[in-house]
């Protein structure tokens, strides 16, 4: 049986905008799929520490 940790809650700034640490969104340290309105996007962290979001 596999247990998972609850997702970390995003911090919010004074304007109420949520801030997420990208490494929390990418559990394997490389890529994560993000779905929006039936479309799936891939978020990737490069070796240089940059973020790439592709459709």
PDB file of N, CA and C in Angstrom:
ATOM      1  N   UNK A   1       0.840  -1.177   0.000  1.00  0.00           N
ATOM      2  CA  UNK A   1       0.000   0.000   0.000  1.00  0.00           C
ATOM      3  C   UNK A   1       0.881   1.235   0.000  1.00  0.00           C
ATOM      4  N   UNK A   2       0.587   2.159  -0.886  1.00  0.00           N
ATOM      5  CA  UNK A   2       1.374   3.381  -0.982  1.00  0.00           C
ATOM      6  C   UNK A   2       0.615   4.519  -0.334  1.00  0.00           C
ATOM      7  N   UNK A   3       1.310   5.280   0.474  1.00  0.00           N
ATOM      8  CA  UNK A   3       0.689   6.450   1.066  1.00  0.00           C
ATOM      9  C   UNK A   3       1.323   7.679   0.441  1.00  0.00           C
ATOM     10  N   UNK A   4       0.551   8.708   0.326  1.00  0.00           N
ATOM     11  CA  UNK A   4       1.096   9.945  -0.221  1.00  0.00           C
ATOM     12  C   UNK A   4       0.910  11.054   0.801  1.00  0.00           C
ATOM     13  N   UNK A   5       1.838  11.974   0.754  1.00  0.00           N
ATOM     14  CA  UNK A   5       1.758  13.112   1.656  1.00  0.00           C
ATOM     15  C   UNK A   5       0.756  14.104   1.083  1.00  0.00           C
ATOM     16  N   UNK A   6       0.073  14.845   1.934  1.00  0.00           N
ATOM     17  CA  UNK A   6      -0.837  15.859   1.406  1.00  0.00           C
ATOM     18  C   UNK A   6      -0.041  16.928   0.666  1.00  0.00           C
ATOM     19  N   UNK A   7      -0.650  17.483  -0.350  1.00  0.00           N
ATOM     20  CA  UNK A   7       0.015  18.530  -1.124  1.00  0.00           C
ATOM     21  C   UNK A   7       0.252  19.739  -0.226  1.00  0.00           C
ATOM     22  N   UNK A   8       1.430  20.361  -0.364  1.00  0.00           N
ATOM     23  CA  UNK A   8       1.684  21.547   0.444  1.00  0.00           C
ATOM     24  C   UNK A   8       0.731  22.678   0.070  1.00  0.00           C
ATOM     25  N   UNK A   9       0.326  23.427   1.053  1.00  0.00           N
ATOM     26  CA  UNK A   9      -0.565  24.552   0.795  1.00  0.00           C
ATOM     27  C   UNK A   9       0.253  25.716   0.273  1.00  0.00           C
ATOM     28  N   UNK A  10      -0.222  26.387  -0.769  1.00  0.00           N
ATOM     29  CA  UNK A  10       0.534  27.505  -1.315  1.00  0.00           C
ATOM     30  C   UNK A  10       0.527  28.690  -0.362  1.00  0.00           C
ATOM     31  N   UNK A  11       1.613  29.424  -0.385  1.00  0.00           N
ATOM     32  CA  UNK A  11       1.682  30.666   0.376  1.00  0.00           C
ATOM     33  C   UNK A  11       0.930  31.730  -0.405  1.00  0.00           C
ATOM     34  N   UNK A  12       0.429  32.711   0.257  1.00  0.00           N
ATOM     35  CA  UNK A  12      -0.210  33.829  -0.438  1.00  0.00           C
ATOM     36  C   UNK A  12       0.466  35.116  -0.016  1.00  0.00           C
ATOM     37  N   UNK A  13       0.555  36.042  -0.964  1.00  0.00           N
ATOM     38  CA  UNK A  13       1.159  37.332  -0.632  1.00  0.00           C
ATOM     39  C   UNK A  13       0.055  38.307  -0.236  1.00  0.00           C
ATOM     40  N   UNK A  14       0.401  39.556  -0.066  1.00  0.00           N
ATOM     41  CA  UNK A  14      -0.560  40.547   0.414  1.00  0.00           C
ATOM     42  C   UNK A  14      -1.686  40.803  -0.586  1.00  0.00           C
ATOM     43  N   UNK A  15      -1.479  40.439  -1.862  1.00  0.00           N
ATOM     44  CA  UNK A  15      -2.543  40.614  -2.860  1.00  0.00           C
ATOM     45  C   UNK A  15      -3.442  39.392  -2.945  1.00  0.00           C
ATOM     46  N   UNK A  16      -3.112  38.335  -2.202  1.00  0.00           N
ATOM     47  CA  UNK A  16      -3.901  37.121  -2.209  1.00  0.00           C
ATOM     48  C   UNK A  16      -3.519  36.161  -3.319  1.00  0.00           C
ATOM     49  N   UNK A  17      -2.428  36.429  -4.036  1.00  0.00           N
ATOM     50  CA  UNK A  17      -1.984  35.558  -5.115  1.00  0.00           C
ATOM     51  C   UNK A  17      -1.225  34.378  -4.517  1.00  0.00           C
ATOM     52  N   UNK A  18      -1.628  33.165  -4.897  1.00  0.00           N
ATOM     53  CA  UNK A  18      -0.969  31.960  -4.390  1.00  0.00           C
ATOM     54  C   UNK A  18       0.408  31.814  -5.026  1.00  0.00           C
ATOM     55  N   UNK A  19       1.379  31.389  -4.223  1.00  0.00           N
ATOM     56  CA  UNK A  19       2.723  31.125  -4.710  1.00  0.00           C
ATOM     57  C   UNK A  19       3.054  29.676  -4.420  1.00  0.00           C
ATOM     58  N   UNK A  20       3.410  28.930  -5.478  1.00  0.00           N
ATOM     59  CA  UNK A  20       3.742  27.513  -5.355  1.00  0.00           C
ATOM     60  C   UNK A  20       5.225  27.332  -5.657  1.00  0.00           C
ATOM     61  N   UNK A  21       5.888  26.509  -4.889  1.00  0.00           N
ATOM     62  CA  UNK A  21       7.266  26.151  -5.210  1.00  0.00           C
ATOM     63  C   UNK A  21       7.202  25.104  -6.312  1.00  0.00           C
ATOM     64  N   UNK A  22       7.833  25.353  -7.443  1.00  0.00           N
ATOM     65  CA  UNK A  22       7.764  24.446  -8.593  1.00  0.00           C
ATOM     66  C   UNK A  22       8.244  23.048  -8.231  1.00  0.00           C
ATOM     67  N   UNK A  23       9.209  22.938  -7.350  1.00  0.00           N
ATOM     68  CA  UNK A  23       9.722  21.611  -6.989  1.00  0.00           C
ATOM     69  C   UNK A  23       8.674  20.804  -6.216  1.00  0.00           C
ATOM     70  N   UNK A  24       7.741  21.482  -5.550  1.00  0.00           N
ATOM     71  CA  UNK A  24       6.642  20.776  -4.891  1.00  0.00           C
ATOM     72  C   UNK A  24       5.634  20.256  -5.914  1.00  0.00           C
ATOM     73  N   UNK A  25       5.530  20.923  -7.063  1.00  0.00           N
ATOM     74  CA  UNK A  25       4.604  20.510  -8.109  1.00  0.00           C
ATOM     75  C   UNK A  25       5.156  19.376  -8.961  1.00  0.00           C
ATOM     76  N   UNK A  26       6.478  19.187  -8.920  1.00  0.00           N
ATOM     77  CA  UNK A  26       7.153  18.193  -9.764  1.00  0.00           C
ATOM     78  C   UNK A  26       7.769  17.136  -8.846  1.00  0.00           C
ATOM     79  N   UNK A  27       6.978  16.122  -8.455  1.00  0.00           N
ATOM     80  CA  UNK A  27       7.443  15.169  -7.455  1.00  0.00           C
ATOM     81  C   UNK A  27       8.654  14.339  -7.852  1.00  0.00           C
ATOM     82  N   UNK A  28       8.851  14.090  -9.155  1.00  0.00           N
ATOM     83  CA  UNK A  28      10.010  13.289  -9.559  1.00  0.00           C
ATOM     84  C   UNK A  28      11.224  14.162  -9.850  1.00  0.00           C
ATOM     85  N   UNK A  29      11.070  15.475  -9.671  1.00  0.00           N
ATOM     86  CA  UNK A  29      12.182  16.399  -9.863  1.00  0.00           C
ATOM     87  C   UNK A  29      12.423  16.816 -11.290  1.00  0.00           C
ATOM     88  N   UNK A  30      11.632  16.273 -12.249  1.00  0.00           N
ATOM     89  CA  UNK A  30      11.874  16.595 -13.653  1.00  0.00           C
ATOM     90  C   UNK A  30      10.617  17.131 -14.335  1.00  0.00           C
ATOM     91  N   UNK A  31       9.533  16.353 -14.358  1.00  0.00           N
ATOM     92  CA  UNK A  31       8.327  16.778 -15.061  1.00  0.00           C
ATOM     93  C   UNK A  31       7.064  16.507 -14.257  1.00  0.00           C
ATOM     94  N   UNK A  32       6.028  17.279 -14.588  1.00  0.00           N
ATOM     95  CA  UNK A  32       4.695  17.064 -14.027  1.00  0.00           C
ATOM     96  C   UNK A  32       3.680  17.454 -15.081  1.00  0.00           C
ATOM     97  N   UNK A  33       2.568  16.736 -15.136  1.00  0.00           N
ATOM     98  CA  UNK A  33       1.480  17.091 -16.029  1.00  0.00           C
ATOM     99  C   UNK A  33       0.509  17.990 -15.284  1.00  0.00           C
ATOM    100  N   UNK A  34       0.024  19.016 -15.973  1.00  0.00           N
ATOM    101  CA  UNK A  34      -0.938  19.956 -15.410  1.00  0.00           C
ATOM    102  C   UNK A  34      -2.120  20.006 -16.365  1.00  0.00           C
ATOM    103  N   UNK A  35      -3.325  19.766 -15.862  1.00  0.00           N
ATOM    104  CA  UNK A  35      -4.518  19.765 -16.701  1.00  0.00           C
ATOM    105  C   UNK A  35      -5.295  21.058 -16.500  1.00  0.00           C
ATOM    106  N   UNK A  36      -5.815  21.582 -17.630  1.00  0.00           N
ATOM    107  CA  UNK A  36      -6.653  22.774 -17.594  1.00  0.00           C
ATOM    108  C   UNK A  36      -7.680  22.660 -18.713  1.00  0.00           C
ATOM    109  N   UNK A  37      -8.947  22.636 -18.347  1.00  0.00           N
ATOM    110  CA  UNK A  37     -10.038  22.590 -19.325  1.00  0.00           C
ATOM    111  C   UNK A  37      -9.866  21.477 -20.347  1.00  0.00           C
ATOM    112  N   UNK A  38      -9.485  20.301 -19.890  1.00  0.00           N
ATOM    113  CA  UNK A  38      -9.355  19.157 -20.769  1.00  0.00           C
ATOM    114  C   UNK A  38      -8.050  19.090 -21.543  1.00  0.00           C
ATOM    115  N   UNK A  39      -7.196  20.078 -21.414  1.00  0.00           N
ATOM    116  CA  UNK A  39      -5.896  20.083 -22.073  1.00  0.00           C
ATOM    117  C   UNK A  39      -4.835  19.714 -21.040  1.00  0.00           C
ATOM    118  N   UNK A  40      -3.827  18.946 -21.464  1.00  0.00           N
ATOM    119  CA  UNK A  40      -2.753  18.558 -20.559  1.00  0.00           C
ATOM    120  C   UNK A  40      -1.470  19.263 -20.987  1.00  0.00           C
ATOM    121  N   UNK A  41      -0.838  19.908 -20.041  1.00  0.00           N
ATOM    122  CA  UNK A  41       0.411  20.610 -20.256  1.00  0.00           C
ATOM    123  C   UNK A  41       1.491  19.905 -19.448  1.00  0.00           C
ATOM    124  N   UNK A  42       2.733  19.999 -19.896  1.00  0.00           N
ATOM    125  CA  UNK A  42       3.850  19.414 -19.166  1.00  0.00           C
ATOM    126  C   UNK A  42       4.736  20.527 -18.632  1.00  0.00           C
ATOM    127  N   UNK A  43       4.960  20.493 -17.326  1.00  0.00           N
ATOM    128  CA  UNK A  43       5.870  21.420 -16.666  1.00  0.00           C
ATOM    129  C   UNK A  43       7.177  20.680 -16.449  1.00  0.00           C
ATOM    130  N   UNK A  44       8.260  21.263 -16.927  1.00  0.00           N
ATOM    131  CA  UNK A  44       9.563  20.603 -16.804  1.00  0.00           C
ATOM    132  C   UNK A  44      10.550  21.563 -16.152  1.00  0.00           C
ATOM    133  N   UNK A  45      11.364  21.029 -15.240  1.00  0.00           N
ATOM    134  CA  UNK A  45      12.457  21.779 -14.633  1.00  0.00           C
ATOM    135  C   UNK A  45      13.737  21.322 -15.321  1.00  0.00           C
ATOM    136  N   UNK A  46      14.450  22.247 -15.948  1.00  0.00           N
ATOM    137  CA  UNK A  46      15.685  21.903 -16.642  1.00  0.00           C
ATOM    138  C   UNK A  46      16.821  21.744 -15.653  1.00  0.00           C
ATOM    139  N   UNK A  47      17.941  21.191 -16.144  1.00  0.00           N
ATOM    140  CA  UNK A  47      19.118  21.044 -15.282  1.00  0.00           C
ATOM    141  C   UNK A  47      19.646  22.401 -14.828  1.00  0.00           C
ATOM    142  N   UNK A  48      19.385  23.436 -15.630  1.00  0.00           N
ATOM    143  CA  UNK A  48      19.825  24.783 -15.276  1.00  0.00           C
ATOM    144  C   UNK A  48      18.871  25.458 -14.289  1.00  0.00           C
ATOM    145  N   UNK A  49      17.764  24.767 -13.951  1.00  0.00           N
ATOM    146  CA  UNK A  49      16.824  25.335 -12.988  1.00  0.00           C
ATOM    147  C   UNK A  49      15.778  26.223 -13.614  1.00  0.00           C
ATOM    148  N   UNK A  50      15.597  26.146 -14.938  1.00  0.00           N
ATOM    149  CA  UNK A  50      14.559  26.925 -15.615  1.00  0.00           C
ATOM    150  C   UNK A  50      13.299  26.098 -15.720  1.00  0.00           C
ATOM    151  N   UNK A  51      12.165  26.784 -15.874  1.00  0.00           N
ATOM    152  CA  UNK A  51      10.891  26.111 -16.053  1.00  0.00           C
ATOM    153  C   UNK A  51      10.448  26.202 -17.497  1.00  0.00           C
ATOM    154  N   UNK A  52       9.945  25.084 -18.038  1.00  0.00           N
ATOM    155  CA  UNK A  52       9.405  25.052 -19.385  1.00  0.00           C
ATOM    156  C   UNK A  52       8.006  24.444 -19.291  1.00  0.00           C
ATOM    157  N   UNK A  53       7.006  25.144 -19.841  1.00  0.00           N
ATOM    158  CA  UNK A  53       5.641  24.651 -19.870  1.00  0.00           C
ATOM    159  C   UNK A  53       5.275  24.434 -21.328  1.00  0.00           C
ATOM    160  N   UNK A  54       4.922  23.185 -21.678  1.00  0.00           N
ATOM    161  CA  UNK A  54       4.575  22.862 -23.055  1.00  0.00           C
ATOM    162  C   UNK A  54       3.213  22.208 -23.104  1.00  0.00           C
ATOM    163  N   UNK A  55       2.579  22.340 -24.264  1.00  0.00           N
ATOM    164  CA  UNK A  55       1.254  21.758 -24.478  1.00  0.00           C
ATOM    165  C   UNK A  55       1.393  20.408 -25.119  1.00  0.00           C
TER     166      UNK A  55
END
